[in-house]
Each structure stands twice: as structure tokens, then as C-alpha cells.
């Protein structure tokens, strides 16, 4: 029997670079992602099984030990694990009714940081990204240019832009152009 070699997926943004003195852009590290749907009565069991408390309010997020949970709707979350954990198995171990779909192959992320990060994102997104309106830890599904994205504020000057792989080059290009404008 022949040995089978499994090739690692190359990031669609491998080698991408851009930014300016006030905005840094980089592809996020590889991660596992799951789209989770569940009723309110099952949130506690899923939270326990996942090891991260699922947020239940708009713009809510939670993170612990390389695992993040983003509230996207009353019964919907995006889960991200960048430490190699098995989100699907953890969801299944909860013992409650839910829908979990591995979307790791579909999504990728761009980290946008620096004092001009919010301005660069605002080049394609009309959200008010002031700290008072979109504080650290806030997350939302929104539009960036012509694409849907999930935007997460990691800290005062750092954002995670989650988008579909097929739109990643477009998002990175728009952010790179906006980063140059932010420096001007």
C-alpha cells in the first residue's frame, strides 16, 4: 500500500504584506472555525463543553486559551480555535441539540493594527469604531466594501477581520490601500 501524504492548506494570503507607518496588516494564524446554532436553553451546556462561555448579547465575545466565541445573532455564534482544538468534537460532547458546521476551509482572517487601524477599516465599513461605541471585545457581522465580514476589536488599536477565503485578497487589497491613505 502506498504512503499517502496530506498536504497542508496554503493560506490564501501567504506572503501578503501591506500597511503603513500607522497601520499594520498581516494574515492571522491558521485556525479552526465552526458556525454554531443553538437554542438559549442549550447555551450553558455548550459553553461548558467548549470551555468558553458563549456570549448572549449583541456585539458580545468571549475568549480563553486560544478559543474565541463571537455572538452573531440570538442563536448563532462563530467559534475560532487557533491552538488546534477540536471544536466539532467539543460541540458534540455537549449532549444538547445544536447545529455545528466546520467552516475552517471557508474563512480566513486579517489582523489590522496600529493607531490608524480604525480609519483603514472605515475606508470600506461605515461603522462607528470609536471606543465608546465599539469597545475592546466588541464583535459584529457587517459589510466591508462589497463583502460580508465579521469584525472583532482585540484591543484599542487592533482588529480581526474575518472573511471568506474567496474574498480575502480583495479585503487585504482594500485595507492595504486604506492603510496608505491613513498615513498620508
Protein backbone atom coordinates (compact mmCIF):
# COMPACT_ATOMS: atom_id res chain seq x y z
CA UNK A 1 0.00 0.00 0.00
CA UNK A 2 1.35 3.43 -0.93
CA UNK A 3 2.02 6.10 1.66
CA UNK A 4 -0.43 8.95 1.47
CA UNK A 5 0.88 12.42 2.22
CA UNK A 6 -1.60 15.02 3.32
CA UNK A 7 -0.65 18.49 2.13
CA UNK A 8 -1.23 21.38 4.46
CA UNK A 9 -3.56 24.04 3.12
CA UNK A 10 -1.64 27.08 1.94
CA UNK A 11 -3.13 30.31 3.23
CA UNK A 12 -4.77 32.35 0.51
CA UNK A 13 -2.90 35.32 1.98
CA UNK A 14 0.50 33.61 2.27
CA UNK A 15 3.16 36.20 1.53
CA UNK A 16 0.69 39.09 1.61
CA UNK A 17 2.09 42.27 3.06
CA UNK A 18 0.88 45.81 3.33
CA UNK A 19 0.43 48.68 5.65
CA UNK A 20 1.96 51.99 6.51
CA UNK A 21 3.62 53.64 9.49
CA UNK A 22 0.22 53.94 11.19
CA UNK A 23 -1.46 50.68 10.07
CA UNK A 24 0.00 47.17 10.07
CA UNK A 25 -1.65 44.33 8.14
CA UNK A 26 -0.91 40.64 8.47
CA UNK A 27 -2.71 37.40 7.78
CA UNK A 28 -3.95 35.78 11.00
CA UNK A 29 -2.52 32.45 12.09
CA UNK A 30 -4.36 29.33 10.87
CA UNK A 31 -7.37 28.44 12.98
CA UNK A 32 -10.31 26.07 13.22
CA UNK A 33 -13.68 27.74 12.80
CA UNK A 34 -17.20 26.49 13.50
CA UNK A 35 -20.53 28.12 12.77
CA UNK A 36 -22.75 27.19 15.73
CA UNK A 37 -26.52 27.46 16.07
CA UNK A 38 -28.34 26.53 19.27
CA UNK A 39 -31.31 27.50 21.42
CA UNK A 40 -30.98 29.60 24.55
CA UNK A 41 -31.69 26.55 26.73
CA UNK A 42 -28.53 24.82 25.40
CA UNK A 43 -26.03 27.68 25.81
CA UNK A 44 -24.83 26.60 29.27
CA UNK A 45 -24.11 23.01 28.23
CA UNK A 46 -22.32 24.09 25.06
CA UNK A 47 -20.31 26.69 26.98
CA UNK A 48 -19.17 24.06 29.47
CA UNK A 49 -18.23 21.60 26.75
CA UNK A 50 -16.36 24.24 24.71
CA UNK A 51 -14.54 25.72 27.70
CA UNK A 52 -15.61 29.25 26.74
CA UNK A 53 -18.81 30.98 27.81
CA UNK A 54 -20.95 31.68 24.75
CA UNK A 55 -21.90 35.38 24.75
CA UNK A 56 -25.63 36.07 24.60
CA UNK A 57 -25.77 39.80 23.84
CA UNK A 58 -25.17 41.83 20.66
CA UNK A 59 -21.51 42.65 19.98
CA UNK A 60 -20.55 40.05 22.62
CA UNK A 61 -17.40 37.97 22.55
CA UNK A 62 -15.56 35.66 24.90
CA UNK A 63 -12.09 34.16 24.72
CA UNK A 64 -9.90 31.84 26.71
CA UNK A 65 -6.80 29.77 25.94
CA UNK A 66 -6.78 30.40 22.19
CA UNK A 67 -10.51 29.83 21.80
CA UNK A 68 -12.94 32.61 20.86
CA UNK A 69 -16.74 32.77 20.66
CA UNK A 70 -18.43 35.60 18.76
CA UNK A 71 -22.16 36.36 19.11
CA UNK A 72 -23.65 36.83 15.63
CA UNK A 73 -27.34 36.54 16.45
CA UNK A 74 -29.78 35.32 19.11
CA UNK A 75 -28.96 31.68 18.34
CA UNK A 76 -25.74 31.98 16.29
CA UNK A 77 -22.02 32.09 17.10
CA UNK A 78 -18.73 31.92 15.25
CA UNK A 79 -16.23 29.82 17.18
CA UNK A 80 -12.49 30.10 16.50
CA UNK A 81 -9.69 27.96 17.94
CA UNK A 82 -6.11 28.83 16.98
CA UNK A 83 -4.47 26.24 19.25
CA UNK A 84 -5.55 23.12 17.32
CA UNK A 85 -8.52 22.17 19.48
CA UNK A 86 -11.38 20.11 18.06
CA UNK A 87 -14.38 22.43 18.19
CA UNK A 88 -16.67 19.93 16.44
CA UNK A 89 -15.92 17.20 18.99
CA UNK A 90 -16.40 19.60 21.88
CA UNK A 91 -19.78 20.69 20.49
CA UNK A 92 -20.82 17.05 20.04
CA UNK A 93 -19.75 16.24 23.61
CA UNK A 94 -22.22 18.81 24.96
CA UNK A 95 -25.09 16.33 24.66
CA UNK A 96 -27.57 19.02 23.60
CA UNK A 97 -29.34 19.76 20.34
CA UNK A 98 -27.38 22.18 18.15
CA UNK A 99 -26.09 22.69 14.63
CA UNK A 100 -22.32 22.93 14.20
CA UNK A 101 -20.64 23.31 10.83
CA UNK A 102 -16.88 23.37 10.35
CA UNK A 103 -16.16 26.46 8.23
CA UNK A 104 -12.36 26.37 8.60
CA UNK A 105 -11.97 25.87 4.85
CA UNK A 106 -14.23 28.84 4.09
CA UNK A 107 -12.86 31.60 6.32
CA UNK A 108 -9.58 33.38 6.87
CA UNK A 109 -8.66 36.48 8.84
CA UNK A 110 -6.59 39.63 8.59
CA UNK A 111 -5.17 41.39 11.65
CA UNK A 112 -5.29 45.18 11.29
CA UNK A 113 -3.37 47.11 13.95
CA UNK A 114 -1.87 50.48 14.73
CA UNK A 115 -3.15 53.96 15.51
CA UNK A 116 -4.77 54.25 12.04
CA UNK A 117 -6.43 50.80 12.09
CA UNK A 118 -9.99 52.06 12.64
CA UNK A 119 -9.57 54.64 9.86
CA UNK A 120 -8.32 51.97 7.45
CA UNK A 121 -11.32 49.75 8.21
CA UNK A 122 -13.66 52.71 7.88
CA UNK A 123 -12.49 53.12 4.27
CA UNK A 124 -14.81 50.22 3.46
CA UNK A 125 -17.08 49.99 6.50
CA UNK A 126 -19.39 52.70 7.80
CA UNK A 127 -19.50 51.51 11.44
CA UNK A 128 -18.63 53.94 14.20
CA UNK A 129 -15.43 52.34 15.54
CA UNK A 130 -14.88 54.78 18.39
CA UNK A 131 -14.03 53.03 21.66
CA UNK A 132 -17.25 54.29 23.24
CA UNK A 133 -19.40 52.68 20.55
CA UNK A 134 -17.25 49.68 19.56
CA UNK A 135 -15.20 48.88 22.69
CA UNK A 136 -12.48 46.27 23.14
CA UNK A 137 -14.11 42.84 22.82
CA UNK A 138 -16.92 44.05 20.55
CA UNK A 139 -17.76 41.92 17.53
CA UNK A 140 -20.26 42.27 14.72
CA UNK A 141 -21.12 40.91 11.32
CA UNK A 142 -21.06 43.77 8.82
CA UNK A 143 -20.11 44.81 5.29
CA UNK A 144 -16.63 45.82 4.19
CA UNK A 145 -16.56 47.25 0.68
CA UNK A 146 -18.55 44.67 -1.26
CA UNK A 147 -18.14 41.72 1.10
CA UNK A 148 -19.51 40.42 4.37
CA UNK A 149 -17.09 40.25 7.27
CA UNK A 150 -17.04 39.62 10.99
CA UNK A 151 -15.16 42.40 12.76
CA UNK A 152 -13.68 41.87 16.23
CA UNK A 153 -11.86 44.51 18.29
CA UNK A 154 -8.96 42.76 20.01
CA UNK A 155 -7.61 45.86 21.75
CA UNK A 156 -7.74 49.64 21.36
CA UNK A 157 -5.71 49.61 18.13
CA UNK A 158 -6.13 46.03 16.85
CA UNK A 159 -8.95 44.39 14.90
CA UNK A 160 -9.54 40.94 13.45
CA UNK A 161 -11.29 40.95 10.07
CA UNK A 162 -12.85 37.52 9.37
CA UNK A 163 -13.91 36.98 5.77
CA UNK A 164 -14.44 34.22 3.26
CA UNK A 165 -11.22 32.96 1.65
CA UNK A 166 -12.56 33.81 -1.79
CA UNK A 167 -12.75 37.49 -0.78
CA UNK A 168 -9.52 37.65 1.25
CA UNK A 169 -7.34 39.16 -1.48
CA UNK A 170 -9.96 41.85 -2.13
CA UNK A 171 -10.22 42.66 1.60
CA UNK A 172 -6.45 42.72 2.04
CA UNK A 173 -6.01 44.94 -1.02
CA UNK A 174 -8.65 47.41 0.13
CA UNK A 175 -7.12 47.51 3.60
CA UNK A 176 -3.61 48.00 2.16
CA UNK A 177 -4.79 50.92 0.04
CA UNK A 178 -6.64 52.42 3.00
CA UNK A 179 -3.55 51.98 5.20
CA UNK A 180 -1.51 54.04 2.75
CA UNK A 181 -4.21 56.72 2.74
CA UNK A 182 -4.26 56.72 6.56
CA UNK A 183 -0.53 57.51 6.54
CA UNK A 184 -0.97 60.49 4.21
